Protein backbone atom coordinates (compact mmCIF):
# COMPACT_ATOMS: atom_id res chain seq x y z
CA MET A 1 33.54 -11.75 -45.51
CA LYS A 2 32.23 -13.17 -42.16
CA ALA A 3 33.48 -16.71 -41.11
CA ARG A 4 31.12 -19.16 -40.01
CA PRO A 5 30.67 -19.76 -36.33
CA ILE A 6 32.23 -22.94 -35.20
CA HIS A 7 29.92 -25.16 -33.46
CA SER A 8 31.13 -26.97 -30.42
CA THR A 9 30.84 -30.42 -30.12
CA VAL A 10 31.43 -30.57 -26.24
CA ILE A 11 28.41 -32.01 -24.49
CA VAL A 12 28.14 -30.51 -20.95
CA LYS A 13 26.68 -33.07 -18.48
CA THR A 14 25.13 -31.49 -15.37
CA LYS A 15 25.37 -33.48 -11.95
CA PRO A 16 21.81 -34.53 -10.58
CA LYS A 17 20.92 -32.40 -7.84
CA LYS A 18 20.97 -34.10 -4.37
CA GLU A 19 17.98 -33.12 -2.13
CA LEU A 20 19.41 -32.29 1.36
CA PRO A 21 17.45 -33.73 4.31
CA LYS A 22 15.72 -31.24 6.20
CA LEU A 23 17.39 -29.82 9.10
CA ARG A 24 16.43 -31.31 12.25
CA LEU A 25 16.44 -29.01 15.10
CA GLY A 26 15.33 -31.77 17.69
CA GLY A 27 12.93 -31.41 20.55
CA ASN A 28 9.41 -29.66 19.75
CA ALA A 29 10.65 -27.96 16.59
CA ASP A 30 10.50 -31.29 14.60
CA VAL A 31 6.89 -31.68 16.10
CA HIS A 32 5.68 -28.26 15.42
CA ARG A 33 7.10 -28.37 11.85
CA GLN A 34 5.29 -31.74 11.24
CA LYS A 35 1.92 -30.31 12.54
CA LYS A 36 2.41 -27.27 10.23
CA ALA A 37 2.91 -29.28 7.34
CA GLN A 38 -0.19 -31.72 8.06
CA ALA A 39 -2.23 -28.72 8.66
CA GLU A 40 -1.14 -27.07 5.47
CA THR A 41 -2.12 -30.08 3.39
CA ALA A 42 -5.44 -30.29 5.18
CA ARG A 43 -5.99 -26.92 4.33
CA LYS A 44 -5.32 -27.65 0.55
CA SER A 45 -7.71 -30.64 0.70
CA ASP A 46 -10.37 -28.44 2.22
CA ALA A 47 -10.08 -26.04 -0.40
CA ARG A 48 -10.34 -28.49 -3.26
CA ILE A 49 -13.43 -30.00 -1.76
CA ARG A 50 -14.92 -26.34 -1.92
CA ILE A 51 -14.03 -25.83 -5.45
CA GLN A 52 -15.57 -29.19 -6.41
CA ILE A 53 -18.92 -28.56 -4.75
CA TYR A 54 -18.91 -25.13 -6.28
CA ARG A 55 -18.28 -26.63 -9.89
CA ASP A 56 -20.91 -29.31 -9.18
CA LEU A 57 -23.19 -26.63 -8.30
CA LEU A 58 -22.57 -24.64 -11.66
CA THR A 59 -22.92 -27.99 -13.44
CA LEU A 60 -26.21 -28.65 -11.89
CA LEU A 61 -27.54 -25.19 -12.45
CA ASP A 62 -26.66 -25.34 -16.31
CA ILE A 63 -28.40 -28.54 -16.55
CA ALA A 64 -31.54 -27.24 -14.73
CA GLU A 65 -31.78 -24.34 -17.08
CA ARG A 66 -31.68 -26.54 -20.07
CA LEU A 67 -34.44 -28.80 -18.69
CA THR A 68 -36.57 -25.61 -18.10
CA MET A 69 -36.42 -24.38 -21.60
CA ASP A 70 -40.02 -24.17 -22.99
CA LEU A 71 -39.82 -25.71 -26.61
CA SER A 72 -43.60 -26.52 -26.56
CA GLY A 73 -44.35 -23.79 -29.21
CA HIS A 74 -41.43 -24.05 -31.56
CA GLN A 75 -41.42 -25.52 -34.91
CA ASP A 76 -38.74 -24.75 -37.59
CA ARG A 77 -39.10 -24.76 -41.10
CA PHE A 78 -38.17 -28.29 -41.70
CA GLY A 79 -41.27 -29.39 -39.48
CA LEU A 80 -38.99 -30.58 -36.56
CA GLU A 81 -41.21 -30.66 -33.44
CA TRP A 82 -39.46 -29.33 -30.77
CA LEU A 83 -41.57 -30.73 -27.89
CA GLY A 84 -40.26 -34.11 -28.98
CA LEU A 85 -36.64 -32.83 -28.62
CA ALA A 86 -37.49 -31.30 -25.24
CA GLN A 87 -38.63 -34.89 -23.96
CA LYS A 88 -35.31 -36.35 -25.32
CA ILE A 89 -33.08 -33.85 -23.43
CA PHE A 90 -34.11 -35.01 -20.13
CA SER A 91 -33.44 -38.50 -21.02
CA HIS A 92 -30.00 -37.37 -22.24
CA TYR A 93 -29.29 -35.61 -18.87
CA ASN A 94 -30.97 -37.95 -16.60
CA ALA A 95 -27.86 -40.16 -16.14
CA ASP A 96 -25.56 -37.08 -15.52
CA LEU A 97 -28.04 -35.74 -12.97
CA ILE A 98 -27.98 -38.93 -10.77
CA GLU A 99 -24.23 -39.14 -11.09
CA ILE A 100 -23.66 -35.45 -10.28
CA ILE A 101 -26.19 -35.32 -7.33
CA SER A 102 -24.96 -38.36 -5.83
CA ASP A 103 -21.33 -37.33 -5.93
CA LEU A 104 -22.41 -33.72 -4.68
CA GLN A 105 -24.36 -35.36 -1.73
CA ASN A 106 -21.11 -37.62 -0.94
CA LYS A 107 -18.89 -34.59 -0.94
CA ILE A 108 -20.88 -32.73 1.38
CA MET A 109 -21.53 -35.47 3.72
CA SER A 110 -17.85 -36.73 3.76
CA LYS A 111 -15.66 -35.89 6.64
CA GLU A 112 -13.73 -33.30 4.62
CA GLY A 113 -17.06 -31.60 3.48
CA ALA A 114 -17.91 -31.54 6.99
CA GLN A 115 -14.72 -30.24 8.59
CA GLY A 116 -13.74 -28.26 5.59
CA LEU A 117 -16.98 -26.21 4.69
CA PRO A 118 -17.86 -22.95 6.72
CA LYS A 119 -20.22 -23.67 9.50
CA GLY A 120 -22.80 -20.94 8.39
CA LEU A 121 -22.88 -22.30 4.89
CA TYR A 122 -22.92 -26.24 5.76
CA ARG A 123 -26.49 -26.21 7.02
CA GLN A 124 -27.41 -24.73 3.45
CA LEU A 125 -25.71 -27.09 1.60
CA LEU A 126 -27.16 -29.76 3.42
CA ASP A 127 -30.59 -28.50 2.65
CA PHE A 128 -29.59 -28.04 -0.91
CA SER A 129 -28.42 -31.72 -1.04
CA GLY A 130 -31.86 -32.66 0.31
CA GLU A 131 -33.58 -30.75 -2.15
CA SER A 132 -31.54 -32.46 -5.08
CA GLY A 133 -32.50 -35.73 -3.88
CA ASP A 134 -36.15 -34.51 -3.65
CA PHE A 135 -35.83 -33.48 -7.21
CA LEU A 136 -34.51 -36.86 -8.27
CA LYS A 137 -37.40 -38.61 -6.54
CA ALA A 138 -39.84 -36.07 -8.34
CA THR A 139 -38.29 -36.98 -11.93
CA ARG A 140 -38.81 -40.68 -11.01
CA SER A 141 -42.58 -40.45 -10.05
CA VAL A 142 -43.04 -38.09 -13.13
CA SER A 143 -41.69 -40.51 -15.54
CA GLU A 144 -44.15 -43.16 -14.10
CA ALA A 145 -46.90 -40.79 -14.28
CA ASN A 146 -49.65 -40.57 -17.29
CA PRO A 147 -48.13 -38.76 -20.31
CA GLU A 148 -50.81 -35.89 -20.01
CA LYS A 149 -49.43 -34.69 -16.49
CA ARG A 150 -46.01 -35.71 -17.15
CA GLY A 151 -45.00 -32.35 -19.14
CA THR A 152 -46.24 -29.91 -16.46
CA ASP A 153 -45.11 -31.89 -13.57
CA PHE A 154 -41.65 -32.27 -14.94
CA LEU A 155 -41.55 -28.68 -15.74
CA GLU A 156 -42.40 -27.35 -12.50
CA ALA A 157 -39.80 -29.97 -10.74
CA CYS A 158 -37.15 -28.40 -13.09
CA GLU A 159 -38.21 -24.87 -12.29
CA HIS A 160 -38.09 -25.61 -8.47
CA PHE A 161 -34.67 -27.30 -8.65
CA LYS A 162 -33.34 -24.31 -10.92
CA LYS A 163 -34.54 -21.84 -8.37
CA ALA A 164 -32.87 -23.90 -5.56
CA CYS A 165 -29.69 -24.05 -7.55
CA ILE A 166 -29.71 -20.15 -8.02
CA GLU A 167 -30.23 -19.52 -4.38
CA MET A 168 -27.51 -21.96 -3.36
CA ARG A 169 -25.03 -20.27 -5.92
CA GLN A 170 -26.12 -16.84 -4.36
CA GLN A 171 -25.35 -18.00 -0.76
CA ILE A 172 -21.93 -18.91 -1.69
CA CYS A 173 -21.49 -15.71 -3.67
CA ILE A 174 -22.64 -13.96 -0.42
CA PHE A 175 -20.26 -15.88 1.54
CA GLU A 176 -17.26 -15.17 -0.74
CA ASN A 177 -17.91 -11.56 -0.44
CA GLU A 178 -18.16 -11.45 3.36
CA ARG A 179 -15.48 -14.18 4.26
CA PRO A 180 -12.26 -13.10 6.38
CA PRO A 181 -9.08 -13.27 4.44
CA THR A 182 -7.91 -16.30 6.27
CA GLU A 183 -11.04 -18.61 5.23
CA GLU A 184 -10.39 -20.44 1.92
CA SER A 185 -12.40 -19.67 -1.22
CA PHE A 186 -14.95 -21.68 -3.10
CA PHE A 187 -13.41 -20.07 -6.34
CA GLU A 188 -9.96 -21.01 -7.73
């Protein structure tokens, strides 16, 4: 027969690790080390703004695709009118659109956006930001228009916005394929 293992009741306490202070080399070495650390944190924050902008763009594209669904001819077996449902979709996404577009415009126009985004793509992002603002203005004017014109004008504005989102996503993907290895990515 095997004997039961004896369990030890001794508790070993480890000493807390003490962080050693950074080695001071004196002179210019400390200054260069500090500048290098600051540049590294700036580079990381630049990368974060790029990722956030790309995520916002994908969210706007998803919403634009949902808004451009043509549900006018659909009716299910329960007699549910899909056109009425399509009109409710915009009211559901309207608050999200306003928040996401204004946040995206603020990110592009911020100091981090101006300094952290690639120069060739920054102008296209500014144009996209302007088109997003125009889309919000168009949706406001469509909601104030007469009901007969409302459906077609709104669908045209959504189609134009969807096209702008697709083109911007395409430009970012082209940049990602052609960027040098030292350049930060829009993807994680």
